[in-house]
Amino acid sequence: MVLSEVLVKGAGVAARRRLTILGSTGSVGCNTLAIIADNPEAYKVVALTAYRNVELLARQARATNAEIAVIGDDSLLGDLRALLSDTEIEVASGENAVEEAASRPVEWVMAGIVGAAGLRPTLAAVRQGAVIALANKECLVCAGDIMLQEVAKHGAVLLPADSEHNAIFQVFDFDSPETVARIILTASGGPFLKSSLERMARATPAEAVAHPNWDMGAKISVDSATMMNKGLEIIEAHRLFPVAPDQIDVLVHPQSVIHSLVAYRDGSTLAQLGPPDMRTPISYTLGWPERIETKAAQLDLASIGNLTFQEPDPVRFPALRLAREALETGGSLPTVLNAANEIAVAAFLDERIGFLRISEIVEETMQRVAGGKIDSLEAITTFDGEARRLALEILE
């Protein structure tokens, strides 16, 4: 099952759309709220969730007069309650509370929780039939079939919010998918595009998260530096669009102006362009099927001057190969890939391992975990947990 089978084109938009933001204190969540602040008459915030940034969550809840604010870390519930004690905003904490908030009836949900932790809340939102702006690629990497089946079953609408998949969505001919020759995901190349392996081996967390074009959270920034982010996007693209794995290419484009391309069998190639600003793809999902105005800058190609492209280096960026292996093998391997990567990236950010060790740990974990079928959330939890255990064992 792919996106074209569950997409409901032309769905109506409520006069004042009620919405929830899962992961409101992250980069995607903050950009979403910035757009909403510019269009307060169009949106009503129902629920906001975050994991640990309790002070920012409280400020966001006040600014939007949200109905409920949920902090994932139970130990911070008292802080959140104190910060919002003079309001009527409901407060809660913990994983179950995040899921409950996601299941509240709204028209639109931003699924912006990073990593596998976003899977259950996103499924909860899907099951109440909302339009889901999907910024959590791990949902489709770890549980693609389950997610798309639930979308179809509950009449939800899935709209990709990542800049790359959103770009493809805008130029992909869903009515005639057989005319598509390939899709091309663009990648900036991250901060180490021109670095030697020796230099990459000495890279610090601060250097890895210093993305040249995008303002993102630490984990996603490291994934961009290893190009695992692009590897996960290859798997996600296969779930979203009716193309075979060998029809998905990656092209390094350091300027991040062309966000992705679709090549057609007649020789035409359509691309979506724009400044590297997440407000553009987010606003597309907020206004869909219409377009809404944002404060994102208009693209000025003359001032940019040159757009350059190159093939990704498979030696310095082995994460792309690992992701393709996981996609081609299927079953539990994409779940294992993602879980091991989350453990390895966290260890790198804690300065427990070197930068190049991230992909090595992922590969070793993939080789050691016995494969299996993913047909339920319980199976995902089992393989995810086993992969995390082995990845920790390997790095220690």
Protein backbone atom coordinates (compact mmCIF):
# COMPACT_ATOMS: atom_id res chain seq x y z
CA MET A 1 0.00 0.00 0.00
CA VAL A 2 1.26 3.49 -0.89
CA LEU A 3 0.05 7.05 -0.45
CA SER A 4 -1.96 7.17 -3.69
CA GLU A 5 -4.26 4.45 -2.35
CA VAL A 6 -5.20 6.37 0.80
CA LEU A 7 -5.05 9.97 -0.40
CA VAL A 8 -8.36 11.81 -0.45
CA LYS A 9 -7.93 14.71 -2.85
CA GLY A 10 -10.01 17.83 -2.53
CA ALA A 11 -11.10 17.32 1.08
CA GLY A 12 -12.84 20.33 2.52
CA VAL A 13 -11.21 22.67 5.03
CA ALA A 14 -13.02 23.70 8.21
CA ALA A 15 -13.80 27.39 8.69
CA ARG A 16 -11.52 27.40 11.75
CA ARG A 17 -9.44 24.28 11.69
CA ARG A 18 -8.90 22.60 15.07
CA LEU A 19 -5.43 21.15 15.35
CA THR A 20 -2.89 19.35 17.51
CA ILE A 21 0.89 19.61 17.39
CA LEU A 22 2.83 16.56 18.54
CA GLY A 23 6.35 17.71 19.33
CA SER A 24 5.51 21.40 19.54
CA THR A 25 8.86 22.51 21.00
CA GLY A 26 10.96 21.01 18.20
CA SER A 27 11.96 22.81 15.03
CA VAL A 28 8.92 21.61 13.06
CA GLY A 29 6.56 22.38 15.93
CA CYS A 30 7.91 25.89 16.40
CA ASN A 31 7.67 26.63 12.68
CA THR A 32 4.10 25.34 12.66
CA LEU A 33 3.17 27.63 15.53
CA ALA A 34 4.83 30.58 13.78
CA ILE A 35 2.52 30.08 10.79
CA ILE A 36 -0.50 29.72 13.06
CA ALA A 37 0.42 32.94 14.87
CA ASP A 38 0.23 34.75 11.53
CA ASN A 39 -3.24 33.26 10.83
CA PRO A 40 -4.97 33.14 14.25
CA GLU A 41 -8.45 33.40 12.78
CA ALA A 42 -7.93 30.21 10.75
CA TYR A 43 -6.77 27.79 13.45
CA LYS A 44 -7.65 26.69 16.97
CA VAL A 45 -4.94 24.82 18.90
CA VAL A 46 -6.38 21.94 20.90
CA ALA A 47 -3.32 20.03 22.15
CA LEU A 48 0.42 20.59 22.37
CA THR A 49 2.94 17.94 23.42
CA ALA A 50 6.66 17.99 24.16
CA TYR A 51 9.13 15.65 25.82
CA ARG A 52 11.27 17.77 28.21
CA ASN A 53 11.20 21.44 27.19
CA VAL A 54 8.61 22.33 29.79
CA GLU A 55 9.15 26.10 29.84
CA LEU A 56 8.75 26.51 26.10
CA LEU A 57 5.73 24.20 26.12
CA ALA A 58 4.08 26.36 28.79
CA ARG A 59 4.76 29.55 26.81
CA GLN A 60 3.31 27.98 23.67
CA ALA A 61 0.21 26.80 25.52
CA ARG A 62 -0.36 30.30 26.90
CA ALA A 63 0.20 31.97 23.53
CA THR A 64 -2.27 29.69 21.76
CA ASN A 65 -4.70 29.18 24.66
CA ALA A 66 -4.43 25.45 24.03
CA GLU A 67 -6.95 23.14 25.64
CA ILE A 68 -4.26 20.77 26.94
CA ALA A 69 -0.46 20.72 27.25
CA VAL A 70 1.31 17.38 27.74
CA ILE A 71 4.91 16.85 28.81
CA GLY A 72 6.30 13.41 28.01
CA ASP A 73 8.66 13.25 30.98
CA ASP A 74 6.55 12.46 34.06
CA SER A 75 9.07 14.12 36.38
CA LEU A 76 8.25 17.52 34.86
CA LEU A 77 4.49 17.44 35.42
CA GLY A 78 4.78 19.51 38.59
CA ASP A 79 6.78 22.17 36.75
CA LEU A 80 4.24 22.31 33.93
CA ARG A 81 1.35 22.51 36.37
CA ALA A 82 3.04 25.39 38.22
CA LEU A 83 3.82 27.28 35.03
CA LEU A 84 0.18 27.09 33.92
CA SER A 85 -1.50 27.26 37.34
CA ASP A 86 -3.18 30.59 36.64
CA THR A 87 -4.79 29.34 33.42
CA GLU A 88 -7.56 26.91 32.57
CA ILE A 89 -5.25 24.87 30.37
CA GLU A 90 -5.36 21.17 31.21
CA VAL A 91 -1.97 19.57 31.91
CA ALA A 92 -0.82 15.94 31.80
CA SER A 93 2.34 13.88 31.45
CA GLY A 94 3.67 10.55 30.22
CA GLU A 95 3.43 8.43 27.08
CA ASN A 96 -0.22 7.51 27.60
CA ALA A 97 -1.15 11.17 28.01
CA VAL A 98 0.62 12.04 24.77
CA GLU A 99 -1.39 9.34 22.99
CA GLU A 100 -4.62 10.58 24.57
CA ALA A 101 -3.89 14.11 23.40
CA ALA A 102 -3.20 12.80 19.90
CA SER A 103 -6.53 11.02 19.85
CA ARG A 104 -8.60 14.14 20.64
CA PRO A 105 -10.96 15.01 17.78
CA VAL A 106 -9.36 17.64 15.54
CA GLU A 107 -9.18 18.26 11.80
CA TRP A 108 -5.36 18.43 11.48
CA VAL A 109 -2.38 16.99 13.37
CA MET A 110 1.30 17.78 12.99
CA ALA A 111 3.19 14.55 13.68
CA GLY A 112 6.48 16.13 14.68
CA ILE A 113 7.80 13.83 17.41
CA VAL A 114 11.29 12.68 16.42
CA GLY A 115 12.12 8.99 16.17
CA ALA A 116 10.25 5.79 16.93
CA ALA A 117 8.68 7.52 19.94
CA GLY A 118 6.32 9.24 17.52
CA LEU A 119 4.77 6.03 16.20
CA ARG A 120 2.00 5.38 18.72
CA PRO A 121 0.86 9.02 19.05
CA THR A 122 0.73 9.34 15.27
CA LEU A 123 -1.33 6.16 15.00
CA ALA A 124 -3.66 7.55 17.66
CA ALA A 125 -4.16 10.67 15.52
CA VAL A 126 -4.73 8.57 12.41
CA ARG A 127 -7.43 6.55 14.17
CA GLN A 128 -9.53 9.64 14.80
CA GLY A 129 -9.54 10.39 11.06
CA ALA A 130 -7.55 13.61 10.96
CA VAL A 131 -5.40 15.12 8.25
CA ILE A 132 -1.91 14.08 9.34
CA ALA A 133 1.02 16.30 8.41
CA LEU A 134 3.77 13.70 8.70
CA ALA A 135 7.16 15.07 9.72
CA ASN A 136 8.10 11.84 11.50
CA LYS A 137 9.66 9.64 8.82
CA GLU A 138 10.29 6.84 11.33
CA CYS A 139 6.55 6.04 11.34
CA LEU A 140 6.75 4.82 7.76
CA VAL A 141 10.25 3.36 8.13
CA CYS A 142 9.31 1.15 11.09
CA ALA A 143 5.61 0.56 10.45
CA GLY A 144 4.82 1.57 6.88
CA ASP A 145 2.20 -1.08 6.08
CA ILE A 146 0.50 -0.76 9.46
CA MET A 147 0.41 3.03 9.23
CA LEU A 148 -1.05 3.13 5.72
CA GLN A 149 -3.60 0.42 6.53
CA GLU A 150 -4.80 2.45 9.51
CA VAL A 151 -4.98 5.60 7.39
CA ALA A 152 -7.23 3.80 4.89
CA LYS A 153 -9.33 2.13 7.59
CA HIS A 154 -10.10 5.33 9.49
CA GLY A 155 -10.44 7.74 6.56
CA ALA A 156 -7.46 9.84 7.58
CA VAL A 157 -5.39 11.85 5.08
CA LEU A 158 -1.60 11.58 5.10
CA LEU A 159 0.34 14.59 3.82
CA PRO A 160 4.17 14.54 3.86
CA ALA A 161 5.62 17.53 5.71
CA ASP A 162 9.32 16.80 5.12
CA SER A 163 10.59 19.22 2.49
CA GLU A 164 11.73 16.42 0.16
CA HIS A 165 8.59 14.30 0.20
CA ASN A 166 6.38 17.37 0.20
CA ALA A 167 8.19 18.51 -2.95
CA ILE A 168 7.59 15.16 -4.63
CA PHE A 169 3.95 15.21 -3.52
CA GLN A 170 3.47 18.56 -5.26
CA VAL A 171 4.76 17.37 -8.65
CA PHE A 172 3.92 13.63 -8.68
CA ASP A 173 1.17 12.54 -11.07
CA PHE A 174 -0.91 10.25 -8.85
CA ASP A 175 -3.44 9.74 -11.64
CA SER A 176 -0.80 8.25 -13.97
CA PRO A 177 1.99 6.84 -11.79
CA GLU A 178 3.09 4.56 -14.62
CA THR A 179 4.43 7.65 -16.42
CA VAL A 180 6.99 8.25 -13.67
CA ALA A 181 10.50 7.01 -14.43
CA ARG A 182 12.09 7.87 -11.09
CA ILE A 183 12.03 10.26 -8.17
CA ILE A 184 15.15 12.11 -7.04
CA LEU A 185 15.60 13.08 -3.40
CA THR A 186 18.00 15.97 -2.98
CA ALA A 187 20.45 16.20 -0.08
CA SER A 188 22.51 19.14 1.08
CA GLY A 189 25.40 16.85 1.98
CA GLY A 190 25.50 18.28 5.50
CA PRO A 191 28.48 19.92 7.22
CA PHE A 192 31.00 17.23 6.16
CA LEU A 193 30.31 17.15 2.43
CA LYS A 194 33.90 18.10 1.58
CA SER A 195 35.61 16.65 4.65
CA SER A 196 38.06 13.76 4.55
CA LEU A 197 37.38 10.55 6.46
CA GLU A 198 40.17 11.53 8.84
CA ARG A 199 38.49 14.86 9.52
CA MET A 200 35.08 13.21 9.95
CA ALA A 201 36.55 10.78 12.47
CA ARG A 202 37.50 13.77 14.67
CA ALA A 203 34.16 15.57 14.27
CA THR A 204 32.51 16.87 17.43
CA PRO A 205 28.76 16.92 18.14
CA ALA A 206 28.79 20.71 17.83
CA GLU A 207 30.27 20.45 14.34
CA ALA A 208 27.85 17.71 13.30
CA VAL A 209 24.74 19.65 14.30
CA ALA A 210 25.89 22.84 12.55
CA HIS A 211 23.89 22.26 9.39
CA PRO A 212 24.83 24.67 6.59
CA ASN A 213 21.26 25.35 5.41
CA TRP A 214 18.58 24.08 7.77
CA ASP A 215 17.79 24.81 11.43
CA MET A 216 16.92 21.41 12.86
CA GLY A 217 17.11 19.49 16.10
CA ALA A 218 20.29 17.71 17.17
CA LYS A 219 19.27 14.18 16.22
CA ILE A 220 18.03 15.08 12.72
CA SER A 221 21.09 17.28 12.17
CA VAL A 222 23.42 14.37 12.96
CA ASP A 223 21.36 12.15 10.64
CA SER A 224 21.86 14.74 7.93
CA ALA A 225 25.62 14.76 8.59
CA THR A 226 25.81 10.94 8.22
CA MET A 227 23.19 11.02 5.43
CA MET A 228 21.14 8.48 7.38
CA ASN A 229 18.37 11.05 7.17
CA LYS A 230 18.40 10.61 3.40
CA GLY A 231 18.53 6.84 3.80
CA LEU A 232 15.40 6.92 5.94
CA GLU A 233 13.80 9.19 3.34
CA ILE A 234 14.46 6.57 0.64
CA ILE A 235 12.45 4.05 2.66
CA GLU A 236 9.75 6.62 3.37
CA ALA A 237 9.51 7.60 -0.30
CA HIS A 238 8.94 3.97 -1.26
CA ARG A 239 6.02 3.89 1.21
CA LEU A 240 4.54 7.19 0.08
CA PHE A 241 4.80 6.92 -3.68
CA PRO A 242 4.07 4.03 -6.08
CA VAL A 243 7.65 3.51 -7.28
CA ALA A 244 10.07 0.61 -6.91
CA PRO A 245 13.18 0.99 -4.72
CA ASP A 246 15.43 1.15 -7.78
CA GLN A 247 13.41 4.13 -9.05
CA ILE A 248 14.48 6.25 -6.07
CA ASP A 249 17.72 8.21 -6.49
CA VAL A 250 19.64 10.60 -4.24
CA LEU A 251 21.42 13.68 -5.57
CA VAL A 252 23.59 15.98 -3.47
CA HIS A 253 22.55 19.60 -3.98
CA PRO A 254 24.42 21.82 -1.49
CA GLN A 255 22.26 24.93 -1.97
CA SER A 256 19.03 23.15 -0.85
CA VAL A 257 16.94 25.13 -3.34
CA ILE A 258 15.55 22.21 -5.34
CA HIS A 259 13.85 20.11 -2.69
CA SER A 260 13.27 17.05 -4.88
CA LEU A 261 12.41 16.08 -8.43
CA VAL A 262 10.19 13.68 -10.37
CA ALA A 263 11.46 12.42 -13.74
CA TYR A 264 8.86 11.22 -16.24
CA ARG A 265 9.22 8.66 -19.00
CA ASP A 266 8.78 11.30 -21.72
CA GLY A 267 12.02 13.02 -20.64
CA SER A 268 10.36 15.73 -18.55
CA THR A 269 11.64 16.39 -15.04
CA LEU A 270 9.53 18.43 -12.63
CA ALA A 271 11.07 20.01 -9.55
CA GLN A 272 9.75 21.97 -6.58
CA LEU A 273 11.99 24.89 -5.60
CA GLY A 274 12.11 27.27 -2.65
CA PRO A 275 14.39 28.69 0.02
CA PRO A 276 15.44 26.21 2.74
CA ASP A 277 12.59 27.15 5.06
CA MET A 278 10.34 24.55 6.71
CA ARG A 279 7.46 27.02 6.81
CA THR A 280 6.85 26.34 3.11
CA PRO A 281 6.11 22.58 3.28
CA ILE A 282 4.34 22.97 6.63
CA SER A 283 2.07 25.69 5.24
CA TYR A 284 1.29 23.46 2.27
CA THR A 285 -0.07 20.80 4.61
CA LEU A 286 -1.85 23.37 6.81
CA GLY A 287 -3.74 24.91 3.91
CA TRP A 288 -4.17 21.79 1.73
CA PRO A 289 -5.90 21.54 -0.68
CA GLU A 290 -5.45 25.31 -0.90
CA ARG A 291 -2.26 27.35 -0.47
CA ILE A 292 -1.88 29.88 2.32
CA GLU A 293 0.38 32.89 2.64
CA THR A 294 3.45 32.72 4.91
CA LYS A 295 6.34 34.98 5.80
CA ALA A 296 8.80 32.63 4.09
CA ALA A 297 11.01 34.50 1.64
CA GLN A 298 10.32 34.29 -2.07
CA LEU A 299 12.98 32.47 -4.08
CA ASP A 300 15.45 34.79 -5.82
CA LEU A 301 17.40 32.64 -8.27
CA ALA A 302 19.36 35.56 -9.65
CA SER A 303 20.89 36.30 -6.25
CA ILE A 304 21.74 32.63 -5.76
CA GLY A 305 23.47 32.49 -9.12
CA ASN A 306 24.48 28.84 -9.33
CA LEU A 307 22.91 25.53 -8.41
CA THR A 308 25.30 22.58 -8.21
CA PHE A 309 24.81 18.82 -8.01
CA GLN A 310 26.90 15.72 -7.40
CA GLU A 311 26.53 12.04 -6.64
CA PRO A 312 26.72 11.07 -2.94
CA ASP A 313 30.00 9.46 -1.85
CA PRO A 314 29.21 5.87 -0.77
CA VAL A 315 32.50 5.50 1.10
CA ARG A 316 32.09 8.53 3.36
CA PHE A 317 28.33 8.09 3.70
CA PRO A 318 27.65 4.34 4.12
CA ALA A 319 24.29 5.05 5.76
CA LEU A 320 22.72 5.29 2.29
CA ARG A 321 23.83 1.74 1.48
CA LEU A 322 22.56 0.46 4.82
CA ALA A 323 19.15 2.04 4.28
CA ARG A 324 18.85 0.53 0.80
CA GLU A 325 19.78 -2.89 2.19
CA ALA A 326 17.10 -2.52 4.85
CA LEU A 327 14.49 -1.52 2.26
CA GLU A 328 15.37 -4.34 -0.14
CA THR A 329 15.44 -6.97 2.61
CA GLY A 330 12.28 -5.64 4.23
CA GLY A 331 10.62 -7.29 7.20
CA SER A 332 12.08 -6.12 10.49
CA LEU A 333 15.32 -4.70 9.07
CA PRO A 334 14.11 -1.09 8.59
CA THR A 335 12.97 -1.12 12.24
CA VAL A 336 16.37 -2.45 13.30
CA LEU A 337 18.16 0.16 11.18
CA ASN A 338 16.22 2.99 12.79
CA ALA A 339 16.54 1.73 16.37
CA ALA A 340 20.29 1.14 16.11
CA ASN A 341 20.76 4.56 14.55
CA GLU A 342 18.86 6.27 17.38
CA ILE A 343 21.12 4.56 19.94
CA ALA A 344 24.31 5.36 18.03
CA VAL A 345 23.40 9.02 17.44
CA ALA A 346 22.55 9.47 21.13
CA ALA A 347 25.92 7.97 22.05
CA PHE A 348 27.71 10.32 19.65
CA LEU A 349 25.89 13.37 21.04
CA ASP A 350 26.95 12.22 24.53
CA GLU A 351 30.55 12.04 23.22
CA ARG A 352 30.77 8.31 23.93
CA ILE A 353 31.68 7.35 20.35
CA GLY A 354 33.20 9.00 17.31
CA PHE A 355 31.22 10.23 14.34
CA LEU A 356 32.20 7.44 11.93
CA ARG A 357 31.28 4.85 14.54
CA ILE A 358 27.57 5.71 14.12
CA SER A 359 27.17 3.88 10.82
CA GLU A 360 29.46 1.06 11.98
CA ILE A 361 27.22 0.36 14.98
CA VAL A 362 24.13 0.41 12.78
CA GLU A 363 25.68 -2.06 10.34
CA GLU A 364 26.87 -4.41 13.10
CA THR A 365 23.42 -4.37 14.68
CA MET A 366 21.72 -5.13 11.36
CA GLN A 367 24.03 -8.11 10.90
CA ARG A 368 23.31 -9.52 14.36
CA VAL A 369 19.54 -9.15 14.72
CA ALA A 370 17.58 -12.10 13.35
CA GLY A 371 15.07 -10.96 10.74
CA GLY A 372 11.34 -11.35 11.05
CA LYS A 373 7.93 -10.20 9.90
CA ILE A 374 6.42 -6.87 10.92
CA ASP A 375 2.67 -7.42 11.20
CA SER A 376 1.77 -5.72 14.48
CA LEU A 377 2.88 -3.00 16.87
CA GLU A 378 3.99 -5.75 19.24
CA ALA A 379 6.38 -7.09 16.59
CA ILE A 380 7.77 -3.61 16.02
CA THR A 381 8.30 -3.18 19.77
CA THR A 382 10.08 -6.54 19.98
CA PHE A 383 12.51 -5.90 17.11
CA ASP A 384 13.04 -2.29 18.14
CA GLY A 385 13.92 -3.34 21.69
CA GLU A 386 16.26 -6.12 20.56
CA ALA A 387 18.06 -3.77 18.17
CA ARG A 388 18.53 -1.16 20.88
CA ARG A 389 19.88 -3.80 23.29
CA LEU A 390 22.39 -5.08 20.76
CA ALA A 391 23.44 -1.59 19.66
CA LEU A 392 24.15 -0.68 23.28
CA GLU A 393 26.10 -3.90 23.71
CA ILE A 394 28.16 -3.16 20.61
CA LEU A 395 29.02 0.41 21.50
CA GLU A 396 29.96 -0.51 25.07
